[in-house]
């Protein structure tokens, strides 16, 4: 593991080989984040003051705001861009 952050029951871990893993149940189960973030290497992750929101800093790309509203959805956008 490279970096770890938690906010409430939401945990996020970045791996040394790349990718992010998220747990919405305090670490009982983990899912690998798909899409844009699947293979990026993140040097730092940090919780936000907003519930279910974590920031992830890519070593080669950008700073991402990761939202996990429950265990069924994930949206990661570079800050300053909307999708």
Foldseek 3Di string as FASTA:
>chain_A
DQEWEDDVLWIWDADPQFFIWIDNGNPPDIDTDDDPRRGFGFNYKYDDPDPQWIWTQTPPDAIWIWHDPDPPDIDIDHPPDDD
